[in-house]
Amino acid sequence: MLAAQLQLVNEQVLETDRLIRTDARSTEVGRRLMEIPGVGPLLASDLVVKQTGNFALVSLYSATESSRARFGTWALR
């Protein structure tokens, strides 16, 4: 049962990660930010959201941070 729950959470985190990458690449600003060394999709998306005031994805980001904090990793690979 615990293994199944871990697998489910892992799949959810991977899907959220995919959505964040897609979101970051969807704007010119996001793509340009990711050209900066050390700026990945999560930070680029966060900066774009804060800059544009488009908070539609806030729940997506907070869900990602919550999962990462609980498990200390993005995913078990």
C-alpha atoms as a PDB file:
ATOM      1  CA  MET A   1       0.000   0.000   0.000  1.00  0.00           C
ATOM      2  CA  LEU A   2       2.765   2.467   0.876  1.00  0.00           C
ATOM      3  CA  ALA A   3       4.609   1.607  -2.347  1.00  0.00           C
ATOM      4  CA  ALA A   4       1.456   2.291  -4.368  1.00  0.00           C
ATOM      5  CA  GLN A   5       0.994   5.666  -2.675  1.00  0.00           C
ATOM      6  CA  LEU A   6       4.622   6.565  -3.319  1.00  0.00           C
ATOM      7  CA  GLN A   7       4.221   5.580  -6.971  1.00  0.00           C
ATOM      8  CA  LEU A   8       1.096   7.761  -7.252  1.00  0.00           C
ATOM      9  CA  VAL A   9       2.827  10.771  -5.710  1.00  0.00           C
ATOM     10  CA  ASN A  10       5.833  10.200  -7.960  1.00  0.00           C
ATOM     11  CA  GLU A  11       3.589  10.217 -11.035  1.00  0.00           C
ATOM     12  CA  GLN A  12       1.850  13.390  -9.857  1.00  0.00           C
ATOM     13  CA  VAL A  13       5.160  15.154  -9.289  1.00  0.00           C
ATOM     14  CA  LEU A  14       6.437  14.113 -12.724  1.00  0.00           C
ATOM     15  CA  GLU A  15       3.237  15.380 -14.355  1.00  0.00           C
ATOM     16  CA  THR A  16       3.474  18.683 -12.471  1.00  0.00           C
ATOM     17  CA  ASP A  17       7.121  18.991 -13.495  1.00  0.00           C
ATOM     18  CA  ARG A  18       6.124  18.420 -17.130  1.00  0.00           C
ATOM     19  CA  LEU A  19       3.415  21.092 -16.890  1.00  0.00           C
ATOM     20  CA  ILE A  20       5.852  23.606 -15.407  1.00  0.00           C
ATOM     21  CA  ARG A  21       8.410  22.941 -18.159  1.00  0.00           C
ATOM     22  CA  THR A  22       5.710  23.353 -20.806  1.00  0.00           C
ATOM     23  CA  ASP A  23       4.517  26.577 -19.189  1.00  0.00           C
ATOM     24  CA  ALA A  24       8.040  28.007 -18.968  1.00  0.00           C
ATOM     25  CA  ARG A  25       8.688  27.278 -22.636  1.00  0.00           C
ATOM     26  CA  SER A  26       5.360  28.745 -23.754  1.00  0.00           C
ATOM     27  CA  THR A  27       6.453  32.383 -23.408  1.00  0.00           C
ATOM     28  CA  GLU A  28       9.340  34.272 -24.900  1.00  0.00           C
ATOM     29  CA  VAL A  29      10.239  35.676 -21.486  1.00  0.00           C
ATOM     30  CA  GLY A  30      10.307  32.170 -19.976  1.00  0.00           C
ATOM     31  CA  ARG A  31      12.550  30.855 -22.762  1.00  0.00           C
ATOM     32  CA  ARG A  32      14.928  33.796 -22.408  1.00  0.00           C
ATOM     33  CA  LEU A  33      15.088  33.441 -18.631  1.00  0.00           C
ATOM     34  CA  MET A  34      16.005  29.767 -18.952  1.00  0.00           C
ATOM     35  CA  GLU A  35      19.030  30.760 -21.034  1.00  0.00           C
ATOM     36  CA  ILE A  36      20.523  32.243 -17.854  1.00  0.00           C
ATOM     37  CA  PRO A  37      22.746  29.686 -16.080  1.00  0.00           C
ATOM     38  CA  GLY A  38      21.000  28.378 -12.979  1.00  0.00           C
ATOM     39  CA  VAL A  39      17.502  29.440 -14.065  1.00  0.00           C
ATOM     40  CA  GLY A  40      15.347  26.432 -14.758  1.00  0.00           C
ATOM     41  CA  PRO A  41      11.704  26.008 -15.657  1.00  0.00           C
ATOM     42  CA  LEU A  42      10.376  26.416 -12.104  1.00  0.00           C
ATOM     43  CA  LEU A  43      12.175  29.690 -11.434  1.00  0.00           C
ATOM     44  CA  ALA A  44      11.444  31.025 -14.924  1.00  0.00           C
ATOM     45  CA  SER A  45       7.740  30.227 -14.553  1.00  0.00           C
ATOM     46  CA  ASP A  46       7.656  31.777 -11.107  1.00  0.00           C
ATOM     47  CA  LEU A  47       9.272  34.977 -12.362  1.00  0.00           C
ATOM     48  CA  VAL A  48       6.915  35.172 -15.353  1.00  0.00           C
ATOM     49  CA  VAL A  49       3.873  34.696 -13.117  1.00  0.00           C
ATOM     50  CA  LYS A  50       5.061  37.373 -10.694  1.00  0.00           C
ATOM     51  CA  GLN A  51       5.962  39.783 -13.499  1.00  0.00           C
ATOM     52  CA  THR A  52       2.729  39.390 -15.460  1.00  0.00           C
ATOM     53  CA  GLY A  53       0.396  39.074 -12.492  1.00  0.00           C
ATOM     54  CA  ASN A  54      -1.086  35.895 -13.986  1.00  0.00           C
ATOM     55  CA  PHE A  55      -1.700  33.855 -10.853  1.00  0.00           C
ATOM     56  CA  ALA A  56      -3.753  31.136 -12.532  1.00  0.00           C
ATOM     57  CA  LEU A  57      -0.962  28.638 -11.944  1.00  0.00           C
ATOM     58  CA  VAL A  58      -0.283  29.447  -8.295  1.00  0.00           C
ATOM     59  CA  SER A  59      -1.940  26.221  -7.107  1.00  0.00           C
ATOM     60  CA  LEU A  60       0.255  24.239  -9.504  1.00  0.00           C
ATOM     61  CA  TYR A  61       3.415  25.790  -8.085  1.00  0.00           C
ATOM     62  CA  SER A  62       2.356  25.401  -4.478  1.00  0.00           C
ATOM     63  CA  ALA A  63       1.428  21.757  -5.087  1.00  0.00           C
ATOM     64  CA  THR A  64       4.883  21.153  -6.532  1.00  0.00           C
ATOM     65  CA  GLU A  65       6.622  22.809  -3.605  1.00  0.00           C
ATOM     66  CA  SER A  66       4.472  20.871  -1.149  1.00  0.00           C
ATOM     67  CA  SER A  67       5.313  17.525  -2.770  1.00  0.00           C
ATOM     68  CA  ARG A  68       8.990  18.377  -2.984  1.00  0.00           C
ATOM     69  CA  ALA A  69       9.081  19.438   0.666  1.00  0.00           C
ATOM     70  CA  ARG A  70       7.357  16.249   1.820  1.00  0.00           C
ATOM     71  CA  PHE A  71       9.635  13.901  -0.077  1.00  0.00           C
ATOM     72  CA  GLY A  72      12.806  15.976  -0.376  1.00  0.00           C
ATOM     73  CA  THR A  73      13.104  15.222  -4.079  1.00  0.00           C
ATOM     74  CA  TRP A  74      11.333  15.734  -7.362  1.00  0.00           C
ATOM     75  CA  ALA A  75      10.929  12.074  -8.114  1.00  0.00           C
ATOM     76  CA  LEU A  76      12.426   8.699  -7.595  1.00  0.00           C
ATOM     77  CA  ARG A  77      14.044   7.743 -10.856  1.00  0.00           C
END
